[in-house]
Amino acid sequence: MSINDAVKQIVKRSFEAQQLTKAMYGTVTSAEPLEVSIEQRFIVPQEFLTVPEHLTPQELELEGRRIELRRGLSVGDKLILLRSEGGDTYVVLGRLAP
């Protein structure tokens, strides 16, 4: 291994140890309370997730009928998440197409 390769590996390990922002994939394992399994390695509870409004349920009552405008997250939904710097919170970016 050359000195150049060794330095590259040291820098790479250093960046990984800092846990910079990273896109990750997950699956909703519970809707109430919300829990997401990240890459089948660990479960993230609701208090560590930031969910944007477009992924929350919204209904409208019109002439005595309830109309679902937007469905919330459901068990089995596949998500893309952004792990924040430090790795303690996750922002749900969106739901992946089935």
Protein backbone atom coordinates (compact mmCIF):
# COMPACT_ATOMS: atom_id res chain seq x y z
CA MET A 1 0.00 0.00 0.00
CA SER A 2 1.40 3.36 -0.98
CA ILE A 3 1.58 6.34 1.36
CA ASN A 4 -1.06 8.05 -0.82
CA ASP A 5 -3.52 5.16 -0.33
CA ALA A 6 -2.84 5.09 3.40
CA VAL A 7 -3.58 8.82 3.72
CA LYS A 8 -6.81 8.40 1.71
CA GLN A 9 -7.96 5.62 4.06
CA ILE A 10 -7.17 7.70 7.14
CA VAL A 11 -9.12 10.68 5.77
CA LYS A 12 -12.05 8.44 4.79
CA ARG A 13 -12.21 6.90 8.29
CA SER A 14 -12.01 10.34 9.85
CA PHE A 15 -15.01 11.59 7.83
CA GLU A 16 -17.01 8.46 8.66
CA ALA A 17 -16.25 8.89 12.37
CA GLN A 18 -17.63 12.44 12.28
CA GLN A 19 -21.01 11.10 11.07
CA LEU A 20 -21.70 13.87 8.59
CA THR A 21 -25.11 14.19 6.96
CA LYS A 22 -26.03 11.07 5.00
CA ALA A 23 -29.04 9.85 3.01
CA MET A 24 -30.46 6.58 4.36
CA TYR A 25 -33.39 4.31 3.59
CA GLY A 26 -35.97 3.06 6.04
CA THR A 27 -39.31 1.32 6.44
CA VAL A 28 -42.18 2.39 8.69
CA THR A 29 -42.62 -0.36 11.30
CA SER A 30 -45.25 1.44 13.41
CA ALA A 31 -47.56 4.33 12.52
CA GLU A 32 -48.73 5.25 16.06
CA PRO A 33 -46.31 6.00 17.58
CA LEU A 34 -44.17 6.43 14.48
CA GLU A 35 -41.14 4.14 14.28
CA VAL A 36 -38.84 3.62 11.32
CA SER A 37 -36.42 0.74 10.76
CA ILE A 38 -33.27 2.15 9.18
CA GLU A 39 -31.66 -0.19 6.65
CA GLN A 40 -32.81 -3.16 8.80
CA ARG A 41 -30.13 -2.28 11.37
CA PHE A 42 -31.93 -0.25 14.05
CA ILE A 43 -35.28 1.34 14.95
CA VAL A 44 -35.66 5.14 15.21
CA PRO A 45 -38.56 6.30 17.44
CA GLN A 46 -40.81 9.29 16.69
CA GLU A 47 -38.93 11.71 18.95
CA PHE A 48 -35.84 11.43 16.70
CA LEU A 49 -37.77 11.89 13.43
CA THR A 50 -38.73 15.13 11.71
CA VAL A 51 -41.69 14.53 9.38
CA PRO A 52 -42.64 17.19 6.81
CA GLU A 53 -46.24 18.30 6.46
CA HIS A 54 -46.75 16.60 3.08
CA LEU A 55 -46.35 13.21 4.81
CA THR A 56 -48.93 13.89 7.52
CA PRO A 57 -52.62 13.00 7.10
CA GLN A 58 -55.11 15.67 6.10
CA GLU A 59 -58.85 15.24 5.69
CA LEU A 60 -61.63 17.56 4.63
CA GLU A 61 -65.29 17.29 5.57
CA LEU A 62 -67.52 18.34 2.71
CA GLU A 63 -71.31 17.98 2.74
CA GLY A 64 -71.13 15.45 5.57
CA ARG A 65 -68.49 13.30 3.85
CA ARG A 66 -64.88 12.91 4.84
CA ILE A 67 -62.43 13.25 1.97
CA GLU A 68 -58.81 12.20 2.41
CA LEU A 69 -56.60 14.85 0.83
CA ARG A 70 -53.32 13.39 1.99
CA ARG A 71 -52.54 10.12 3.68
CA GLY A 72 -50.00 9.92 6.45
CA LEU A 73 -47.27 7.34 6.86
CA SER A 74 -48.38 3.72 7.07
CA VAL A 75 -46.68 0.52 8.16
CA GLY A 76 -44.59 -0.78 5.27
CA ASP A 77 -43.99 2.60 3.62
CA LYS A 78 -40.44 2.88 2.26
CA LEU A 79 -38.78 6.20 3.09
CA ILE A 80 -35.67 8.16 2.26
CA LEU A 81 -34.24 9.98 5.26
CA LEU A 82 -31.43 12.40 5.89
CA ARG A 83 -29.37 11.69 8.98
CA SER A 84 -28.32 14.94 10.60
CA GLU A 85 -24.76 15.72 11.55
CA GLY A 86 -23.98 13.71 14.65
CA GLY A 87 -26.56 11.07 13.75
CA ASP A 88 -29.06 11.84 16.50
CA THR A 89 -32.03 13.05 14.38
CA TYR A 90 -33.43 12.06 11.01
CA VAL A 91 -35.42 14.17 8.56
CA VAL A 92 -37.90 12.21 6.46
CA LEU A 93 -37.43 13.53 2.91
CA GLY A 94 -40.13 11.51 1.23
CA ARG A 95 -41.94 8.29 0.59
CA LEU A 96 -40.56 6.03 -2.16
CA ALA A 97 -42.83 4.79 -4.91
CA PRO A 98 -43.98 1.18 -4.39
